[in-house]
Amino acid sequence: MRRLALGASGLALLLAGCAAPSTDPAPTLRVDPAHVAQREAAGIPDCPETPAEATTVADGLPDLLLGCLGSGRQVNLAALRGTPMVINFWAQWCAPCRDEAPHLKEFAERAGDTVLVLGVDYADPDPDLALRFAEEAGWTYPHLTDPLKKTAGPVRFQGIPITLYVTAEGRIAHRVVGGITSTEQMVDEAREHLGVEL
């Protein structure tokens, strides 16, 4: 009888491993209320809500949970689909990131709802300074956080800034290694790689 019970529980575990990814929202994290207030005062929206798990696509974003800067929300990168995206990896200590900041601001304003612009605060242990930097840059789009550099391997990059152009299906269509030099550069790349006219 004991062998039968173990066999049944083993079968249940095996079947659970074959189940489709959960559509439950990603769990939230504890966050300093002062950082939430700082984000909201800067006009930076919360990150998009995604399920905790998602299937990946070829050449796509990884199945990886990242926290949202100034929010308790977690976002699964692989679940970000439905709208073309531009994802910029930056940090408040990164000089080239400061240089490209005005172009990202202008592009995000020009793109509106046509392209989802997301920042990723990368290898940055200080959310207070990161939020201050984003506010000074005038960025009014959401930002994820990757203080432990979890994205470097799956996304295949070594340093920042780096900017990804991602299709509505979640495929990385183009990457710019190094700083963005103009808003028009971004508009041209969005047209060429995402099929978006701005």
N, C-alpha and C. Protein backbone atom coordinates (compact mmCIF):
# COMPACT_ATOMS: atom_id res chain seq x y z
N MET A 1 0.83 -1.20 0.00
CA MET A 1 0.00 0.00 0.00
C MET A 1 0.86 1.25 0.00
N ARG A 2 1.95 1.20 0.80
CA ARG A 2 2.86 2.35 0.87
C ARG A 2 3.48 2.62 -0.49
N ARG A 3 3.88 1.52 -1.21
CA ARG A 3 4.48 1.68 -2.53
C ARG A 3 3.49 2.35 -3.48
N LEU A 4 2.21 1.97 -3.40
CA LEU A 4 1.17 2.55 -4.24
C LEU A 4 1.01 4.04 -3.95
N ALA A 5 1.05 4.41 -2.67
CA ALA A 5 0.90 5.82 -2.28
C ALA A 5 2.07 6.64 -2.81
N LEU A 6 3.28 6.09 -2.68
CA LEU A 6 4.46 6.80 -3.20
C LEU A 6 4.37 6.94 -4.71
N GLY A 7 3.91 5.88 -5.37
CA GLY A 7 3.78 5.93 -6.82
C GLY A 7 2.78 6.99 -7.25
N ALA A 8 1.68 7.10 -6.54
CA ALA A 8 0.66 8.10 -6.87
C ALA A 8 1.19 9.51 -6.67
N SER A 9 1.93 9.72 -5.57
CA SER A 9 2.46 11.07 -5.34
C SER A 9 3.53 11.41 -6.36
N GLY A 10 4.33 10.41 -6.75
CA GLY A 10 5.35 10.65 -7.78
C GLY A 10 4.71 11.02 -9.10
N LEU A 11 3.60 10.33 -9.45
CA LEU A 11 2.89 10.64 -10.68
C LEU A 11 2.32 12.05 -10.64
N ALA A 12 1.81 12.46 -9.49
CA ALA A 12 1.27 13.82 -9.34
C ALA A 12 2.35 14.86 -9.56
N LEU A 13 3.54 14.61 -9.01
CA LEU A 13 4.65 15.55 -9.21
C LEU A 13 5.06 15.61 -10.67
N LEU A 14 5.10 14.45 -11.33
CA LEU A 14 5.48 14.41 -12.74
C LEU A 14 4.49 15.19 -13.59
N LEU A 15 3.19 14.99 -13.32
CA LEU A 15 2.17 15.72 -14.07
C LEU A 15 2.23 17.21 -13.80
N ALA A 16 2.54 17.59 -12.57
CA ALA A 16 2.65 19.01 -12.23
C ALA A 16 3.77 19.65 -13.02
N GLY A 17 4.85 18.89 -13.26
CA GLY A 17 5.97 19.42 -14.04
C GLY A 17 5.62 19.64 -15.49
N CYS A 18 4.57 18.99 -15.98
CA CYS A 18 4.15 19.14 -17.38
C CYS A 18 3.08 20.21 -17.55
N ALA A 19 2.63 20.78 -16.47
CA ALA A 19 1.54 21.75 -16.53
C ALA A 19 1.96 23.02 -17.26
N ALA A 20 0.99 23.70 -17.83
CA ALA A 20 1.25 24.98 -18.50
C ALA A 20 1.70 26.01 -17.47
N PRO A 21 2.47 27.03 -17.92
CA PRO A 21 2.90 28.07 -16.98
C PRO A 21 1.71 28.73 -16.30
N SER A 22 1.89 29.07 -15.05
CA SER A 22 0.84 29.71 -14.28
C SER A 22 0.55 31.11 -14.82
N THR A 23 -0.72 31.49 -14.79
CA THR A 23 -1.08 32.85 -15.19
C THR A 23 -1.25 33.75 -13.98
N ASP A 24 -0.94 33.22 -12.80
CA ASP A 24 -1.03 34.04 -11.58
C ASP A 24 -0.03 35.18 -11.66
N PRO A 25 -0.39 36.36 -11.16
CA PRO A 25 0.56 37.48 -11.18
C PRO A 25 1.82 37.16 -10.39
N ALA A 26 2.92 37.75 -10.79
CA ALA A 26 4.17 37.56 -10.07
C ALA A 26 4.02 38.10 -8.65
N PRO A 27 4.62 37.43 -7.67
CA PRO A 27 4.50 37.91 -6.28
C PRO A 27 5.15 39.27 -6.10
N THR A 28 4.63 40.03 -5.16
CA THR A 28 5.21 41.35 -4.90
C THR A 28 6.32 41.24 -3.87
N LEU A 29 7.20 42.24 -3.87
CA LEU A 29 8.31 42.32 -2.94
C LEU A 29 8.05 43.43 -1.94
N ARG A 30 8.71 43.35 -0.79
CA ARG A 30 8.65 44.45 0.17
C ARG A 30 9.53 45.57 -0.36
N VAL A 31 9.03 46.78 -0.25
CA VAL A 31 9.78 47.93 -0.75
C VAL A 31 9.62 49.08 0.24
N ASP A 32 10.63 49.90 0.34
CA ASP A 32 10.61 51.06 1.23
C ASP A 32 9.51 52.02 0.77
N PRO A 33 8.54 52.35 1.63
CA PRO A 33 7.48 53.28 1.23
C PRO A 33 8.03 54.63 0.74
N ALA A 34 9.19 55.03 1.24
CA ALA A 34 9.79 56.29 0.78
C ALA A 34 10.16 56.21 -0.69
N HIS A 35 10.58 55.02 -1.17
CA HIS A 35 10.92 54.86 -2.58
C HIS A 35 9.67 54.88 -3.46
N VAL A 36 8.58 54.31 -2.94
CA VAL A 36 7.31 54.38 -3.68
C VAL A 36 6.89 55.84 -3.84
N ALA A 37 6.95 56.60 -2.75
CA ALA A 37 6.59 58.02 -2.79
C ALA A 37 7.51 58.80 -3.72
N GLN A 38 8.79 58.47 -3.69
CA GLN A 38 9.77 59.14 -4.56
C GLN A 38 9.46 58.87 -6.03
N ARG A 39 9.13 57.61 -6.36
CA ARG A 39 8.79 57.26 -7.74
C ARG A 39 7.53 57.99 -8.19
N GLU A 40 6.51 57.98 -7.35
CA GLU A 40 5.24 58.62 -7.72
C GLU A 40 5.41 60.12 -7.87
N ALA A 41 6.20 60.74 -7.00
CA ALA A 41 6.43 62.19 -7.09
C ALA A 41 7.17 62.56 -8.37
N ALA A 42 8.00 61.63 -8.87
CA ALA A 42 8.75 61.88 -10.10
C ALA A 42 7.91 61.64 -11.35
N GLY A 43 6.68 61.14 -11.17
CA GLY A 43 5.82 60.87 -12.32
C GLY A 43 6.19 59.61 -13.07
N ILE A 44 6.89 58.70 -12.39
CA ILE A 44 7.29 57.43 -13.00
C ILE A 44 6.22 56.39 -12.70
N PRO A 45 5.60 55.80 -13.73
CA PRO A 45 4.52 54.84 -13.48
C PRO A 45 5.06 53.51 -12.95
N ASP A 46 4.16 52.73 -12.37
CA ASP A 46 4.50 51.38 -11.93
C ASP A 46 4.78 50.53 -13.17
N CYS A 47 5.47 49.43 -12.97
CA CYS A 47 5.80 48.53 -14.07
C CYS A 47 4.58 47.74 -14.51
N PRO A 48 4.59 47.21 -15.74
CA PRO A 48 3.45 46.41 -16.19
C PRO A 48 3.29 45.16 -15.34
N GLU A 49 2.06 44.73 -15.16
CA GLU A 49 1.80 43.49 -14.42
C GLU A 49 1.95 42.31 -15.36
N THR A 50 2.66 41.28 -14.93
CA THR A 50 2.85 40.07 -15.74
C THR A 50 2.60 38.84 -14.87
N PRO A 51 2.35 37.68 -15.51
CA PRO A 51 2.31 36.45 -14.73
C PRO A 51 3.70 36.11 -14.20
N ALA A 52 3.75 35.26 -13.20
CA ALA A 52 5.03 34.87 -12.60
C ALA A 52 5.86 34.02 -13.54
N GLU A 53 5.20 33.25 -14.41
CA GLU A 53 5.90 32.36 -15.33
C GLU A 53 5.47 32.67 -16.75
N ALA A 54 6.37 32.40 -17.70
CA ALA A 54 6.04 32.62 -19.11
C ALA A 54 6.92 31.73 -19.97
N THR A 55 6.41 31.37 -21.12
CA THR A 55 7.23 30.61 -22.08
C THR A 55 8.07 31.60 -22.88
N THR A 56 9.26 31.18 -23.24
CA THR A 56 10.15 32.05 -24.01
C THR A 56 9.95 31.81 -25.50
N VAL A 57 10.40 32.76 -26.30
CA VAL A 57 10.41 32.62 -27.76
C VAL A 57 11.86 32.63 -28.22
N ALA A 58 12.10 32.14 -29.44
CA ALA A 58 13.45 32.13 -29.99
C ALA A 58 13.97 33.56 -30.07
N ASP A 59 15.21 33.77 -29.65
CA ASP A 59 15.84 35.10 -29.64
C ASP A 59 15.05 36.10 -28.80
N GLY A 60 14.36 35.58 -27.79
CA GLY A 60 13.49 36.45 -27.00
C GLY A 60 14.06 36.79 -25.63
N LEU A 61 13.28 37.54 -24.89
CA LEU A 61 13.64 37.90 -23.53
C LEU A 61 13.57 36.67 -22.63
N PRO A 62 14.43 36.59 -21.62
CA PRO A 62 14.46 35.39 -20.77
C PRO A 62 13.30 35.32 -19.79
N ASP A 63 13.01 34.10 -19.35
CA ASP A 63 12.01 33.85 -18.31
C ASP A 63 12.67 34.19 -16.97
N LEU A 64 12.59 35.46 -16.61
CA LEU A 64 13.36 35.98 -15.48
C LEU A 64 12.53 37.05 -14.78
N LEU A 65 12.43 36.95 -13.46
CA LEU A 65 11.70 37.95 -12.68
C LEU A 65 12.63 39.05 -12.22
N LEU A 66 12.23 40.30 -12.48
CA LEU A 66 12.96 41.47 -11.98
C LEU A 66 12.00 42.34 -11.19
N GLY A 67 12.52 42.98 -10.15
CA GLY A 67 11.71 43.91 -9.38
C GLY A 67 11.53 45.22 -10.14
N CYS A 68 10.57 45.99 -9.69
CA CYS A 68 10.28 47.30 -10.28
C CYS A 68 10.86 48.39 -9.37
N LEU A 69 11.55 49.34 -9.95
CA LEU A 69 12.18 50.41 -9.18
C LEU A 69 11.11 51.27 -8.49
N GLY A 70 11.19 51.35 -7.17
CA GLY A 70 10.23 52.15 -6.42
C GLY A 70 8.85 51.53 -6.32
N SER A 71 8.79 50.19 -6.44
CA SER A 71 7.52 49.47 -6.37
C SER A 71 7.79 48.06 -5.90
N GLY A 72 6.79 47.41 -5.34
CA GLY A 72 6.94 46.02 -4.93
C GLY A 72 6.65 45.03 -6.03
N ARG A 73 6.23 45.51 -7.18
CA ARG A 73 5.84 44.62 -8.27
C ARG A 73 7.07 43.92 -8.86
N GLN A 74 6.88 42.65 -9.25
CA GLN A 74 7.90 41.93 -10.01
C GLN A 74 7.37 41.69 -11.43
N VAL A 75 8.29 41.68 -12.38
CA VAL A 75 7.93 41.55 -13.79
C VAL A 75 8.71 40.39 -14.40
N ASN A 76 8.00 39.52 -15.12
CA ASN A 76 8.66 38.45 -15.87
C ASN A 76 8.97 38.98 -17.27
N LEU A 77 10.25 39.06 -17.60
CA LEU A 77 10.64 39.63 -18.90
C LEU A 77 10.02 38.88 -20.07
N ALA A 78 9.98 37.56 -20.00
CA ALA A 78 9.45 36.76 -21.11
C ALA A 78 7.96 37.00 -21.34
N ALA A 79 7.27 37.51 -20.33
CA ALA A 79 5.83 37.74 -20.45
C ALA A 79 5.50 39.11 -21.04
N LEU A 80 6.51 39.93 -21.27
CA LEU A 80 6.27 41.27 -21.83
C LEU A 80 6.03 41.15 -23.34
N ARG A 81 4.77 41.11 -23.72
CA ARG A 81 4.41 40.96 -25.13
C ARG A 81 3.16 41.78 -25.42
N GLY A 82 2.92 41.96 -26.71
CA GLY A 82 1.71 42.66 -27.14
C GLY A 82 1.97 44.04 -27.70
N THR A 83 3.09 44.66 -27.30
CA THR A 83 3.46 45.99 -27.77
C THR A 83 4.96 45.99 -28.06
N PRO A 84 5.39 46.61 -29.17
CA PRO A 84 6.84 46.74 -29.39
C PRO A 84 7.48 47.48 -28.22
N MET A 85 8.72 47.12 -27.91
CA MET A 85 9.39 47.69 -26.74
C MET A 85 10.79 48.17 -27.07
N VAL A 86 11.22 49.18 -26.33
CA VAL A 86 12.62 49.58 -26.27
C VAL A 86 13.02 49.48 -24.81
N ILE A 87 14.03 48.65 -24.54
CA ILE A 87 14.48 48.40 -23.17
C ILE A 87 15.91 48.89 -23.04
N ASN A 88 16.12 49.85 -22.15
CA ASN A 88 17.44 50.46 -21.96
C ASN A 88 18.00 50.08 -20.59
N PHE A 89 19.20 49.52 -20.59
CA PHE A 89 19.90 49.16 -19.35
C PHE A 89 20.82 50.31 -18.97
N TRP A 90 20.70 50.79 -17.72
CA TRP A 90 21.41 51.98 -17.28
C TRP A 90 21.75 51.86 -15.79
N ALA A 91 22.50 52.81 -15.30
CA ALA A 91 22.76 52.95 -13.86
C ALA A 91 23.12 54.39 -13.57
N GLN A 92 22.86 54.82 -12.34
CA GLN A 92 23.12 56.22 -11.99
C GLN A 92 24.62 56.52 -11.94
N TRP A 93 25.47 55.50 -11.82
CA TRP A 93 26.93 55.72 -11.77
C TRP A 93 27.57 55.69 -13.16
N CYS A 94 26.78 55.48 -14.20
CA CYS A 94 27.28 55.27 -15.57
C CYS A 94 27.27 56.58 -16.35
N ALA A 95 28.47 57.12 -16.67
CA ALA A 95 28.56 58.41 -17.38
C ALA A 95 27.90 58.38 -18.76
N PRO A 96 28.13 57.37 -19.61
CA PRO A 96 27.45 57.34 -20.91
C PRO A 96 25.93 57.29 -20.78
N CYS A 97 25.44 56.70 -19.68
CA CYS A 97 23.99 56.65 -19.44
C CYS A 97 23.44 58.06 -19.22
N ARG A 98 24.21 58.89 -18.55
CA ARG A 98 23.80 60.29 -18.35
C ARG A 98 23.76 61.03 -19.68
N ASP A 99 24.73 60.74 -20.54
CA ASP A 99 24.80 61.42 -21.84
C ASP A 99 23.61 61.07 -22.72
N GLU A 100 23.15 59.83 -22.68
CA GLU A 100 22.06 59.41 -23.56
C GLU A 100 20.67 59.70 -22.97
N ALA A 101 20.61 60.07 -21.70
CA ALA A 101 19.33 60.25 -21.01
C ALA A 101 18.35 61.17 -21.73
N PRO A 102 18.78 62.34 -22.26
CA PRO A 102 17.82 63.22 -22.93
C PRO A 102 17.19 62.59 -24.17
N HIS A 103 17.95 61.76 -24.89
CA HIS A 103 17.42 61.11 -26.09
C HIS A 103 16.35 60.08 -25.73
N LEU A 104 16.57 59.36 -24.65
CA LEU A 104 15.57 58.39 -24.19
C LEU A 104 14.29 59.10 -23.74
N LYS A 105 14.45 60.21 -23.05
CA LYS A 105 13.29 61.00 -22.62
C LYS A 105 12.47 61.45 -23.82
N GLU A 106 13.15 62.04 -24.81
CA GLU A 106 12.46 62.55 -26.00
C GLU A 106 11.80 61.42 -26.79
N PHE A 107 12.51 60.29 -26.91
CA PHE A 107 11.93 59.16 -27.65
C PHE A 107 10.68 58.65 -26.95
N ALA A 108 10.74 58.49 -25.64
CA ALA A 108 9.58 57.99 -24.89
C ALA A 108 8.38 58.91 -25.06
N GLU A 109 8.62 60.21 -25.03
CA GLU A 109 7.53 61.18 -25.20
C GLU A 109 6.95 61.08 -26.61
N ARG A 110 7.82 60.91 -27.58
CA ARG A 110 7.37 60.82 -28.98
C ARG A 110 6.64 59.50 -29.23
N ALA A 111 7.10 58.42 -28.60
CA ALA A 111 6.52 57.10 -28.83
C ALA A 111 5.14 56.95 -28.22
N GLY A 112 4.89 57.62 -27.09
CA GLY A 112 3.59 57.51 -26.44
C GLY A 112 3.24 56.07 -26.14
N ASP A 113 2.03 55.65 -26.55
CA ASP A 113 1.59 54.27 -26.31
C ASP A 113 1.96 53.33 -27.45
N THR A 114 2.61 53.85 -28.49
CA THR A 114 2.95 53.03 -29.65
C THR A 114 4.07 52.05 -29.33
N VAL A 115 5.03 52.50 -28.53
CA VAL A 115 6.16 51.67 -28.11
C VAL A 115 6.26 51.75 -26.58
N LEU A 116 6.39 50.59 -25.94
CA LEU A 116 6.60 50.56 -24.49
C LEU A 116 8.09 50.77 -24.22
N VAL A 117 8.43 51.86 -23.57
CA VAL A 117 9.82 52.12 -23.18
C VAL A 117 9.99 51.68 -21.73
N LEU A 118 11.02 50.87 -21.50
CA LEU A 118 11.32 50.37 -20.15
C LEU A 118 12.79 50.61 -19.86
N GLY A 119 13.09 51.02 -18.65
CA GLY A 119 14.47 51.08 -18.21
C GLY A 119 14.77 49.89 -17.31
N VAL A 120 16.04 49.51 -17.26
CA VAL A 120 16.50 48.51 -16.30
C VAL A 120 17.69 49.11 -15.56
N ASP A 121 17.49 49.42 -14.29
CA ASP A 121 18.56 49.94 -13.44
C ASP A 121 19.47 48.77 -13.09
N TYR A 122 20.67 48.76 -13.66
CA TYR A 122 21.52 47.57 -13.69
C TYR A 122 22.73 47.72 -12.76
N ALA A 123 23.02 46.67 -12.00
CA ALA A 123 24.20 46.62 -11.13
C ALA A 123 24.29 47.86 -10.24
N ASP A 124 23.14 48.26 -9.73
CA ASP A 124 23.05 49.51 -8.97
C ASP A 124 22.44 49.19 -7.60
N PRO A 125 23.21 49.29 -6.53
CA PRO A 125 22.70 48.89 -5.22
C PRO A 125 21.88 49.96 -4.49
N ASP A 126 21.77 51.16 -5.07
CA ASP A 126 21.15 52.27 -4.34
C ASP A 126 19.89 52.78 -5.05
N PRO A 127 18.70 52.27 -4.69
CA PRO A 127 17.48 52.71 -5.36
C PRO A 127 17.19 54.19 -5.16
N ASP A 128 17.62 54.76 -4.04
CA ASP A 128 17.39 56.18 -3.80
C ASP A 128 18.11 57.03 -4.85
N LEU A 129 19.39 56.74 -5.09
CA LEU A 129 20.15 57.48 -6.10
C LEU A 129 19.62 57.19 -7.50
N ALA A 130 19.20 55.95 -7.74
CA ALA A 130 18.65 55.59 -9.05
C ALA A 130 17.37 56.38 -9.34
N LEU A 131 16.48 56.45 -8.36
CA LEU A 131 15.24 57.21 -8.54
C LEU A 131 15.52 58.69 -8.73
N ARG A 132 16.50 59.19 -8.00
CA ARG A 132 16.87 60.60 -8.15
C ARG A 132 17.39 60.87 -9.56
N PHE A 133 18.22 59.95 -10.07
CA PHE A 133 18.75 60.08 -11.43
C PHE A 133 17.62 60.07 -12.45
N ALA A 134 16.69 59.11 -12.32
CA ALA A 134 15.57 59.01 -13.26
C ALA A 134 14.71 60.27 -13.23
N GLU A 135 14.51 60.81 -12.03
CA GLU A 135 13.72 62.05 -11.91
C GLU A 135 14.44 63.21 -12.58
N GLU A 136 15.74 63.35 -12.34
CA GLU A 136 16.51 64.44 -12.95
C GLU A 136 16.55 64.31 -14.47
N ALA A 137 16.54 63.07 -14.96
CA ALA A 137 16.55 62.84 -16.41
C ALA A 137 15.19 63.14 -17.04
N GLY A 138 14.15 63.25 -16.21
CA GLY A 138 12.81 63.51 -16.73
C GLY A 138 12.16 62.28 -17.33
N TRP A 139 12.64 61.10 -16.94
CA TRP A 139 12.07 59.86 -17.47
C TRP A 139 10.73 59.59 -16.80
N THR A 140 9.69 59.47 -17.59
CA THR A 140 8.36 59.18 -17.06
C THR A 140 7.85 57.85 -17.62
N TYR A 141 8.74 56.88 -17.64
CA TYR A 141 8.38 55.51 -18.03
C TYR A 141 8.91 54.56 -16.94
N PRO A 142 8.38 53.34 -16.86
CA PRO A 142 8.74 52.44 -15.76
C PRO A 142 10.17 51.90 -15.87
N HIS A 143 10.71 51.52 -14.71
CA HIS A 143 12.07 50.98 -14.65
C HIS A 143 12.10 49.73 -13.79
N LEU A 144 12.73 48.70 -14.31
CA LEU A 144 13.00 47.48 -13.56
C LEU A 144 14.34 47.62 -12.84
N THR A 145 14.63 46.70 -11.93
CA THR A 145 15.92 46.73 -11.24
C THR A 145 16.61 45.38 -11.36
N ASP A 146 17.90 45.43 -11.59
CA ASP A 146 18.71 44.21 -11.66
C ASP A 146 20.03 44.44 -10.92
N PRO A 147 19.97 44.58 -9.59
CA PRO A 147 21.19 44.88 -8.84
C PRO A 147 22.21 43.75 -8.86
N LEU A 148 21.75 42.51 -9.07
CA LEU A 148 22.65 41.35 -9.05
C LEU A 148 23.10 40.91 -10.44
N LYS A 149 22.78 41.69 -11.46
CA LYS A 149 23.22 41.42 -12.84
C LYS A 149 22.72 40.07 -13.38
N LYS A 150 21.48 39.73 -13.05
CA LYS A 150 20.90 38.46 -13.49
C LYS A 150 20.65 38.43 -14.99
N THR A 151 20.49 39.59 -15.61
CA THR A 151 20.14 39.63 -17.03
C THR A 151 21.35 39.48 -17.95
N ALA A 152 22.56 39.72 -17.45
CA ALA A 152 23.74 39.77 -18.32
C ALA A 152 23.94 38.50 -19.13
N GLY A 153 23.85 37.34 -18.49
CA GLY A 153 24.04 36.08 -19.21
C GLY A 153 22.94 35.78 -20.20
N PRO A 154 21.66 35.74 -19.75
CA PRO A 154 20.58 35.40 -20.67
C PRO A 154 20.39 36.40 -21.81
N VAL A 155 20.64 37.68 -21.55
CA VAL A 155 20.46 38.70 -22.60
C VAL A 155 21.75 38.86 -23.42
N ARG A 156 22.85 38.32 -22.91
CA ARG A 156 24.15 38.32 -23.59
C ARG A 156 24.72 39.72 -23.78
N PHE A 157 25.10 40.34 -22.67
CA PHE A 157 25.83 41.61 -22.75
C PHE A 157 26.80 41.69 -21.58
N GLN A 158 27.80 42.57 -21.73
CA GLN A 158 28.85 42.66 -20.72
C GLN A 158 28.85 43.99 -19.96
N GLY A 159 28.38 45.04 -20.59
CA GLY A 159 28.41 46.34 -19.94
C GLY A 159 27.23 47.20 -20.36
N ILE A 160 27.12 48.35 -19.72
CA ILE A 160 26.04 49.28 -20.03
C ILE A 160 26.63 50.62 -20.46
N PRO A 161 25.85 51.42 -21.17
CA PRO A 161 24.45 51.20 -21.56
C PRO A 161 24.32 50.23 -22.73
N ILE A 162 23.19 49.57 -22.78
CA ILE A 162 22.80 48.77 -23.92
C ILE A 162 21.29 48.95 -24.07
N THR A 163 20.84 49.02 -25.32
CA THR A 163 19.42 49.25 -25.60
C THR A 163 18.92 48.15 -26.52
N LEU A 164 17.81 47.52 -26.14
CA LEU A 164 17.21 46.45 -26.93
C LEU A 164 15.94 46.94 -27.61
N TYR A 165 15.77 46.55 -28.86
CA TYR A 165 14.52 46.78 -29.60
C TYR A 165 13.83 45.43 -29.69
N VAL A 166 12.66 45.33 -29.08
CA VAL A 166 11.98 44.04 -28.90
C VAL A 166 10.62 44.10 -29.60
N THR A 167 10.34 43.09 -30.43
CA THR A 167 9.07 43.05 -31.16
C THR A 167 7.90 42.80 -30.21
N ALA A 168 6.70 43.00 -30.72
CA ALA A 168 5.50 42.76 -29.92
C ALA A 168 5.37 41.30 -29.51
N GLU A 169 6.06 40.41 -30.24
CA GLU A 169 6.05 38.98 -29.91
C GLU A 169 7.11 38.61 -28.88
N GLY A 170 7.92 39.59 -28.46
CA GLY A 170 8.93 39.33 -27.44
C GLY A 170 10.30 38.95 -27.97
N ARG A 171 10.54 39.10 -29.27
CA ARG A 171 11.83 38.74 -29.87
C ARG A 171 12.75 39.96 -29.89
N ILE A 172 14.01 39.77 -29.48
CA ILE A 172 14.99 40.86 -29.54
C ILE A 172 15.42 41.02 -30.99
N ALA A 173 14.97 42.11 -31.63
CA ALA A 173 15.22 42.32 -33.04
C ALA A 173 16.51 43.08 -33.30
N HIS A 174 16.95 43.87 -32.31
CA HIS A 174 18.15 44.71 -32.52
C HIS A 174 18.67 45.13 -31.16
N ARG A 175 19.98 45.33 -31.08
CA ARG A 175 20.58 45.84 -29.84
C ARG A 175 21.61 46.90 -30.19
N VAL A 176 21.65 47.94 -29.38
CA VAL A 176 22.65 49.00 -29.51
C VAL A 176 23.55 48.91 -28.29
N VAL A 177 24.81 48.58 -28.51
CA VAL A 177 25.78 48.50 -27.43
C VAL A 177 26.47 49.85 -27.33
N GLY A 178 26.44 50.45 -26.15
CA GLY A 178 26.97 51.80 -25.98
C GLY A 178 25.84 52.81 -25.98
N GLY A 179 26.21 54.07 -25.85
CA GLY A 179 25.22 55.12 -25.69
C GLY A 179 24.46 55.46 -26.96
N ILE A 180 23.20 55.83 -26.79
CA ILE A 180 22.37 56.37 -27.87
C ILE A 180 22.87 57.78 -28.15
N THR A 181 22.99 58.14 -29.43
CA THR A 181 23.57 59.45 -29.77
C THR A 181 22.53 60.50 -30.15
N SER A 182 21.30 60.07 -30.48
CA SER A 182 20.27 61.05 -30.83
C SER A 182 18.89 60.40 -30.76
N THR A 183 17.88 61.24 -30.62
CA THR A 183 16.51 60.74 -30.65
C THR A 183 16.18 60.18 -32.02
N GLU A 184 16.68 60.84 -33.07
CA GLU A 184 16.41 60.38 -34.44
C GLU A 184 16.99 59.00 -34.68
N GLN A 185 18.14 58.70 -34.06
CA GLN A 185 18.71 57.35 -34.16
C GLN A 185 17.68 56.33 -33.65
N MET A 186 17.06 56.63 -32.53
CA MET A 186 16.08 55.71 -31.95
C MET A 186 14.84 55.59 -32.82
N VAL A 187 14.39 56.71 -33.37
CA VAL A 187 13.22 56.70 -34.25
C VAL A 187 13.50 55.85 -35.48
N ASP A 188 14.69 56.02 -36.07
CA ASP A 188 15.08 55.24 -37.25
C ASP A 188 15.16 53.76 -36.93
N GLU A 189 15.74 53.42 -35.77
CA GLU A 189 15.88 52.01 -35.40
C GLU A 189 14.53 51.38 -35.08
N ALA A 190 13.63 52.14 -34.49
CA ALA A 190 12.28 51.63 -34.23
C ALA A 190 11.55 51.35 -35.54
N ARG A 191 11.75 52.22 -36.52
CA ARG A 191 11.13 52.01 -37.83
C ARG A 191 11.70 50.76 -38.51
N GLU A 192 13.04 50.65 -38.50
CA GLU A 192 13.70 49.56 -39.21
C GLU A 192 13.46 48.20 -38.55
N HIS A 193 13.53 48.15 -37.24
CA HIS A 193 13.53 46.85 -36.55
C HIS A 193 12.20 46.47 -35.91
N LEU A 194 11.35 47.46 -35.67
CA LEU A 194 10.05 47.18 -35.05
C LEU A 194 8.88 47.47 -35.98
N GLY A 195 9.18 48.09 -37.13
CA GLY A 195 8.12 48.42 -38.08
C GLY A 195 7.19 49.50 -37.57
N VAL A 196 7.72 50.39 -36.72
CA VAL A 196 6.92 51.44 -36.09
C VAL A 196 7.30 52.79 -36.68
N GLU A 197 6.32 53.54 -37.09
CA GLU A 197 6.54 54.89 -37.63
C GLU A 197 6.17 55.90 -36.55
N LEU A 198 7.13 56.73 -36.16
CA LEU A 198 6.88 57.72 -35.11
C LEU A 198 7.05 59.13 -35.65
